[in-house]
Amino acid sequence: MNIINFALDFPNEESCRFDFKAVREKQGVVCKKCQSKTHWWLKNKWQWKCSNCSFRTTLRSGTFMQNSNLPLRKWYLAMAFMSFSKKGVSATELQKQIGHKHYVTVWSLMHRIRAAMGERDAGYTLVDMIEFDEADVVTATSKRAKSNLKKGRGSQRTSNIAVAAESIPLEDIKTGQISNLCRHFKMQKLESHRSDEIDDFIEENVDSSSVVTTDKSTSYTNIEGYVEEHITVKSDKVATQKSLKWVHIAISNVKRNLLGIYHRIDDKYLQNYLDEFCYKLNRHYFGDKLFDRLVIAVAASKGYDS
């Protein structure tokens, strides 16, 4: 879907409401009170009524739209712009595009959508051949730090992130040429370079039957205890271009993305930006369907409590 088709499909608030209702019903509405999945639709109330206990569920209840007073169409517009752009869009630009008065509201809206992206990817475990490395990205430390940075002062820090790429070496039967296929990426903000944080990341995100390739950092000495095999390579130009090709491409792209679109982000929210980057990277093959997948992620999530 492009912006022209979006305007035709969702010209007003009502069209967005009907679409979101259909998405929720396809995913299955679950009663908060008794967990029943059978409901009646109350047309005049725009609510579902549980056929078992009569508990009512609103259109946004239990989703990342819960407790949001923004019109549904502004949610849809935000999801559209965030999914249409391969690189991303800043809150300032989105505020201008959707015509909203308050910057903070738009900024919060985008982080809710990023949280839905992160929750969607959290359930996926990397498997088979895995490349792993760490990277440092420059972030601000607080809102005051952001203000200082704009004035040329040095309130900044370097944040460490873990990056893993699910890559599979493939051999062409006819030519014998080896190529790589990269399926899925994971990125997670780390508090330090300590080995126990690396171990936790591998244990939580990588299947135990996998083969993990890293450089020879001393922080990676315990990885072999969590996977089938741990292969270490010398960190040089050859490793960058071959053994750790995809993870280094991802690191280069995410750094360029964070610097080029958002310039300097608060360290507190770094994970949300990483979640957005990985969500779109992992679904690049969806093409025009990425917007539809994002609506499902927002609708089918466990919800947003704040």
Protein backbone atom coordinates (compact mmCIF):
# COMPACT_ATOMS: atom_id res chain seq x y z
CA MET A 1 0.00 0.00 0.00
CA ASN A 2 1.25 3.47 -0.88
CA ILE A 3 0.02 6.84 0.37
CA ILE A 4 -2.45 7.20 -2.52
CA ASN A 5 -4.10 3.85 -1.80
CA PHE A 6 -4.10 4.65 1.90
CA ALA A 7 -6.03 7.87 1.27
CA LEU A 8 -8.57 5.94 -0.81
CA ASP A 9 -9.00 3.08 1.70
CA PHE A 10 -9.05 5.21 4.85
CA PRO A 11 -10.56 8.59 3.98
CA ASN A 12 -12.13 9.20 7.41
CA GLU A 13 -12.43 8.04 11.02
CA GLU A 14 -15.28 5.62 10.28
CA SER A 15 -13.29 3.67 7.68
CA CYS A 16 -10.44 3.22 10.17
CA ARG A 17 -12.81 2.06 12.91
CA PHE A 18 -14.41 -0.56 10.67
CA ASP A 19 -10.99 -1.82 9.56
CA PHE A 20 -9.65 -2.04 13.12
CA LYS A 21 -12.81 -3.89 14.20
CA ALA A 22 -12.31 -6.42 11.38
CA VAL A 23 -8.63 -6.90 12.30
CA ARG A 24 -9.45 -7.50 15.96
CA GLU A 25 -12.20 -9.98 15.15
CA LYS A 26 -9.92 -11.88 12.80
CA GLN A 27 -7.30 -12.12 15.54
CA GLY A 28 -9.94 -13.09 18.08
CA VAL A 29 -11.36 -10.93 20.87
CA VAL A 30 -10.73 -12.41 24.34
CA CYS A 31 -12.81 -11.43 27.36
CA LYS A 32 -10.65 -9.94 30.13
CA LYS A 33 -12.98 -11.29 32.81
CA CYS A 34 -13.56 -14.93 31.84
CA GLN A 35 -11.20 -15.44 28.85
CA SER A 36 -14.10 -16.42 26.61
CA LYS A 37 -13.62 -15.92 22.86
CA THR A 38 -17.31 -15.75 21.99
CA HIS A 39 -18.82 -12.29 21.76
CA TRP A 40 -21.77 -10.32 20.44
CA TRP A 41 -21.16 -7.03 18.65
CA LEU A 42 -23.13 -4.07 20.03
CA LYS A 43 -23.39 -1.83 16.99
CA ASN A 44 -24.69 1.27 18.77
CA LYS A 45 -22.03 1.06 21.50
CA TRP A 46 -19.11 -0.01 19.32
CA GLN A 47 -18.29 -2.71 21.88
CA TRP A 48 -18.14 -6.48 22.09
CA LYS A 49 -20.28 -8.19 24.73
CA CYS A 50 -19.07 -11.51 26.11
CA SER A 51 -21.68 -14.22 25.50
CA ASN A 52 -20.54 -15.98 28.68
CA CYS A 53 -20.32 -13.26 31.37
CA SER A 54 -21.67 -10.14 29.55
CA PHE A 55 -18.40 -8.23 30.11
CA ARG A 56 -17.92 -5.54 27.49
CA THR A 57 -14.76 -4.91 25.50
CA THR A 58 -14.24 -1.60 23.72
CA LEU A 59 -12.64 -1.27 20.30
CA ARG A 60 -9.25 -0.24 21.73
CA SER A 61 -9.26 -2.25 24.96
CA GLY A 62 -6.38 -4.72 25.27
CA THR A 63 -4.41 -3.16 22.43
CA PHE A 64 -1.66 -0.56 22.23
CA MET A 65 -4.38 1.99 21.54
CA GLN A 66 -5.87 1.47 25.00
CA ASN A 67 -6.36 4.72 26.96
CA SER A 68 -5.45 6.80 23.90
CA ASN A 69 -7.76 9.71 23.08
CA LEU A 70 -6.30 10.29 19.63
CA PRO A 71 -8.62 9.70 16.68
CA LEU A 72 -8.16 6.29 15.14
CA ARG A 73 -7.29 7.83 11.79
CA LYS A 74 -4.27 9.58 13.33
CA TRP A 75 -3.12 6.20 14.61
CA TYR A 76 -3.54 4.81 11.11
CA LEU A 77 -1.71 7.77 9.58
CA ALA A 78 1.17 7.30 12.03
CA MET A 79 1.41 3.58 11.25
CA ALA A 80 1.28 4.38 7.54
CA PHE A 81 4.14 6.88 7.61
CA MET A 82 6.23 4.65 9.90
CA SER A 83 5.78 1.64 7.62
CA PHE A 84 5.98 3.42 4.25
CA SER A 85 9.39 4.88 5.04
CA LYS A 86 12.21 2.34 4.87
CA LYS A 87 14.54 4.50 6.95
CA GLY A 88 12.03 5.98 9.40
CA VAL A 89 10.39 9.29 10.17
CA SER A 90 11.02 11.74 13.01
CA ALA A 91 8.31 12.84 15.43
CA THR A 92 8.68 16.41 14.16
CA GLU A 93 8.04 15.33 10.58
CA LEU A 94 5.13 13.07 11.56
CA GLN A 95 3.58 15.89 13.61
CA LYS A 96 3.64 18.06 10.50
CA GLN A 97 2.27 15.34 8.21
CA ILE A 98 -0.71 14.37 10.39
CA GLY A 99 -1.43 17.96 11.43
CA HIS A 100 -1.32 17.49 15.20
CA LYS A 101 -0.76 20.43 17.52
CA HIS A 102 1.26 18.80 20.30
CA TYR A 103 4.70 17.30 19.63
CA VAL A 104 4.78 15.23 22.84
CA THR A 105 1.54 13.46 21.93
CA VAL A 106 2.93 12.45 18.53
CA TRP A 107 6.24 11.38 20.11
CA SER A 108 4.34 9.19 22.63
CA LEU A 109 2.18 7.74 19.85
CA MET A 110 5.26 6.67 17.90
CA HIS A 111 6.75 4.98 20.94
CA ARG A 112 3.55 3.02 21.51
CA ILE A 113 3.78 1.76 17.94
CA ARG A 114 7.46 0.90 18.43
CA ALA A 115 6.55 -1.00 21.58
CA ALA A 116 4.05 -3.06 19.55
CA MET A 117 6.79 -3.78 17.02
CA GLY A 118 9.14 -4.95 19.78
CA GLU A 119 6.51 -7.16 21.36
CA ARG A 120 5.79 -8.79 18.00
CA ASP A 121 9.45 -9.66 17.44
CA ALA A 122 10.07 -10.74 21.03
CA GLY A 123 8.35 -14.08 20.44
CA TYR A 124 10.77 -15.09 17.69
CA THR A 125 13.84 -17.20 18.55
CA LEU A 126 16.87 -17.18 16.25
CA VAL A 127 17.87 -20.60 14.96
CA ASP A 128 20.46 -22.36 12.73
CA MET A 129 23.51 -20.24 11.78
CA ILE A 130 23.81 -17.06 13.87
CA GLU A 131 26.22 -14.15 13.56
CA PHE A 132 26.71 -12.12 16.74
CA ASP A 133 28.56 -8.93 17.64
CA GLU A 134 28.26 -5.75 19.69
CA ALA A 135 28.22 -2.11 18.67
CA ASP A 136 28.46 1.29 20.32
CA VAL A 137 25.97 4.03 19.47
CA VAL A 138 26.00 7.62 20.72
CA THR A 139 22.91 8.68 22.68
CA ALA A 140 21.83 11.52 24.93
CA THR A 141 21.32 10.80 28.63
CA SER A 142 18.16 12.77 29.37
CA LYS A 143 15.88 15.56 28.14
CA ARG A 144 18.30 18.01 29.68
CA ALA A 145 21.12 16.28 27.80
CA LYS A 146 19.20 16.72 24.54
CA SER A 147 18.88 20.42 25.25
CA ASN A 148 22.59 20.69 26.01
CA LEU A 149 23.51 18.87 22.83
CA LYS A 150 21.52 21.36 20.77
CA LYS A 151 23.52 24.12 22.42
CA GLY A 152 26.82 22.41 21.62
CA ARG A 153 27.59 21.03 25.07
CA GLY A 154 28.70 17.47 25.64
CA SER A 155 25.92 15.71 27.58
CA GLN A 156 26.09 12.40 25.79
CA ARG A 157 27.04 8.78 26.35
CA THR A 158 27.97 5.69 24.38
CA SER A 159 25.44 2.88 24.62
CA ASN A 160 26.30 -0.73 23.88
CA ILE A 161 23.93 -2.92 21.83
CA ALA A 162 23.92 -6.63 21.06
CA VAL A 163 23.24 -7.52 17.42
CA ALA A 164 22.47 -11.00 16.09
CA ALA A 165 21.70 -12.06 12.50
CA GLU A 166 20.17 -15.37 11.46
CA SER A 167 22.22 -16.18 8.33
CA ILE A 168 22.34 -19.42 6.36
CA PRO A 169 25.17 -20.29 3.94
CA LEU A 170 23.68 -21.55 0.66
CA GLU A 171 25.44 -23.37 -2.17
CA ASP A 172 24.17 -23.16 -5.73
CA ILE A 173 23.93 -26.77 -6.97
CA LYS A 174 24.82 -25.83 -10.56
CA THR A 175 27.65 -23.36 -9.98
CA GLY A 176 28.88 -24.36 -6.53
CA GLN A 177 28.90 -20.68 -5.56
CA ILE A 178 28.32 -19.94 -1.88
CA SER A 179 25.90 -17.16 -0.97
CA ASN A 180 24.20 -16.01 2.20
CA LEU A 181 20.54 -15.63 3.07
CA CYS A 182 19.75 -13.54 6.11
CA ARG A 183 16.36 -14.21 7.66
CA HIS A 184 15.93 -12.45 10.99
CA PHE A 185 17.70 -9.88 13.17
CA LYS A 186 17.69 -9.13 16.89
CA MET A 187 19.05 -6.01 18.58
CA GLN A 188 19.08 -5.31 22.30
CA LYS A 189 20.46 -2.50 24.39
CA LEU A 190 23.00 -3.68 26.98
CA GLU A 191 24.01 -1.93 30.16
CA SER A 192 27.67 -2.96 29.82
CA HIS A 193 30.10 -5.21 27.94
CA ARG A 194 29.99 -7.84 30.69
CA SER A 195 29.84 -11.49 29.65
CA ASP A 196 26.79 -12.25 31.82
CA GLU A 197 24.69 -9.80 29.79
CA ILE A 198 25.87 -11.44 26.58
CA ASP A 199 25.00 -14.86 28.02
CA ASP A 200 21.50 -13.67 28.92
CA PHE A 201 20.95 -12.32 25.41
CA ILE A 202 22.04 -15.60 23.80
CA GLU A 203 19.96 -17.71 26.18
CA GLU A 204 16.81 -15.63 25.63
CA ASN A 205 17.05 -15.07 21.88
CA VAL A 206 18.96 -17.98 20.33
CA ASP A 207 17.81 -21.59 20.05
CA SER A 208 20.13 -24.02 21.87
CA SER A 209 20.60 -26.09 18.69
CA SER A 210 22.14 -23.16 16.82
CA VAL A 211 25.71 -22.46 15.72
CA VAL A 212 26.90 -18.98 16.74
CA THR A 213 29.81 -17.16 15.08
CA THR A 214 31.52 -14.25 16.87
CA ASP A 215 34.90 -12.55 17.03
CA LYS A 216 37.36 -13.49 19.77
CA SER A 217 36.17 -11.05 22.42
CA THR A 218 36.67 -12.31 25.97
CA SER A 219 33.03 -11.40 26.69
CA TYR A 220 31.92 -14.31 24.51
CA THR A 221 33.75 -17.15 26.29
CA ASN A 222 30.58 -18.61 27.85
CA ILE A 223 28.43 -18.68 24.70
CA GLU A 224 29.33 -22.30 23.95
CA GLY A 225 27.40 -23.32 27.05
CA TYR A 226 24.13 -22.08 25.57
CA VAL A 227 24.30 -23.32 21.96
CA GLU A 228 25.31 -26.35 19.92
CA GLU A 229 28.58 -24.80 18.75
CA HIS A 230 30.42 -21.51 19.12
CA ILE A 231 32.80 -20.51 16.32
CA THR A 232 35.23 -17.63 16.84
CA VAL A 233 36.97 -15.71 14.05
CA LYS A 234 39.61 -13.01 14.03
CA SER A 235 38.05 -9.57 13.87
CA ASP A 236 39.47 -8.22 10.63
CA LYS A 237 38.38 -7.20 7.13
CA VAL A 238 37.93 -10.82 6.01
CA ALA A 239 35.63 -11.62 8.94
CA THR A 240 33.64 -8.46 8.29
CA GLN A 241 33.06 -9.39 4.65
CA LYS A 242 32.46 -13.10 5.15
CA SER A 243 31.88 -14.72 8.55
CA LEU A 244 30.20 -11.69 10.17
CA LYS A 245 28.93 -10.04 7.00
CA TRP A 246 25.25 -9.56 7.86
CA VAL A 247 25.66 -8.50 11.46
CA HIS A 248 28.14 -5.80 10.45
CA ILE A 249 25.87 -4.57 7.65
CA ALA A 250 23.05 -4.32 10.20
CA ILE A 251 25.27 -2.41 12.64
CA SER A 252 26.33 0.05 9.94
CA ASN A 253 22.74 0.60 8.82
CA VAL A 254 21.28 1.09 12.30
CA LYS A 255 23.97 3.64 13.18
CA ARG A 256 23.29 5.54 9.98
CA ASN A 257 19.56 5.37 10.64
CA LEU A 258 19.74 6.66 14.22
CA LEU A 259 22.09 9.49 13.30
CA GLY A 260 20.43 10.50 10.04
CA ILE A 261 16.77 10.45 11.11
CA TYR A 262 16.75 11.06 14.86
CA HIS A 263 20.18 12.74 15.24
CA ARG A 264 20.59 12.09 18.97
CA ILE A 265 18.13 10.02 20.97
CA ASP A 266 17.64 9.54 24.68
CA ASP A 267 19.40 6.42 25.94
CA LYS A 268 16.26 5.54 27.90
CA TYR A 269 14.32 4.97 24.68
CA LEU A 270 17.08 3.43 22.58
CA GLN A 271 15.48 -0.03 22.67
CA ASN A 272 12.28 1.31 21.10
CA TYR A 273 14.21 2.68 18.12
CA LEU A 274 16.07 -0.62 17.77
CA ASP A 275 12.75 -2.47 17.83
CA GLU A 276 11.41 -0.33 14.99
CA PHE A 277 14.55 -0.83 12.91
CA CYS A 278 14.51 -4.62 13.36
CA TYR A 279 10.75 -4.94 12.83
CA LYS A 280 10.94 -3.30 9.41
CA LEU A 281 14.19 -5.04 8.49
CA ASN A 282 12.77 -8.46 9.38
CA ARG A 283 9.70 -7.80 7.23
CA HIS A 284 11.22 -6.08 4.22
CA TYR A 285 9.86 -8.87 2.02
CA PHE A 286 6.27 -7.88 2.93
CA GLY A 287 6.61 -4.79 0.75
CA ASP A 288 3.25 -3.02 0.46
CA LYS A 289 1.75 -5.34 3.10
CA LEU A 290 3.94 -3.99 5.91
CA PHE A 291 1.28 -1.49 6.94
CA ASP A 292 -1.29 -4.29 7.29
CA ARG A 293 1.13 -6.30 9.44
CA LEU A 294 1.70 -3.28 11.68
CA VAL A 295 -2.04 -2.80 12.25
CA ILE A 296 -2.22 -6.45 13.32
CA ALA A 297 0.72 -5.95 15.70
CA VAL A 298 -1.01 -2.99 17.37
CA ALA A 299 -4.36 -4.79 17.55
CA ALA A 300 -3.16 -8.22 18.65
CA SER A 301 -0.72 -7.12 21.33
CA LYS A 302 -1.09 -7.71 25.06
CA GLY A 303 -1.73 -4.00 25.53
CA TYR A 304 -0.14 -0.80 26.68
CA ASP A 305 -0.55 0.09 30.34
CA SER A 306 0.76 3.64 30.48
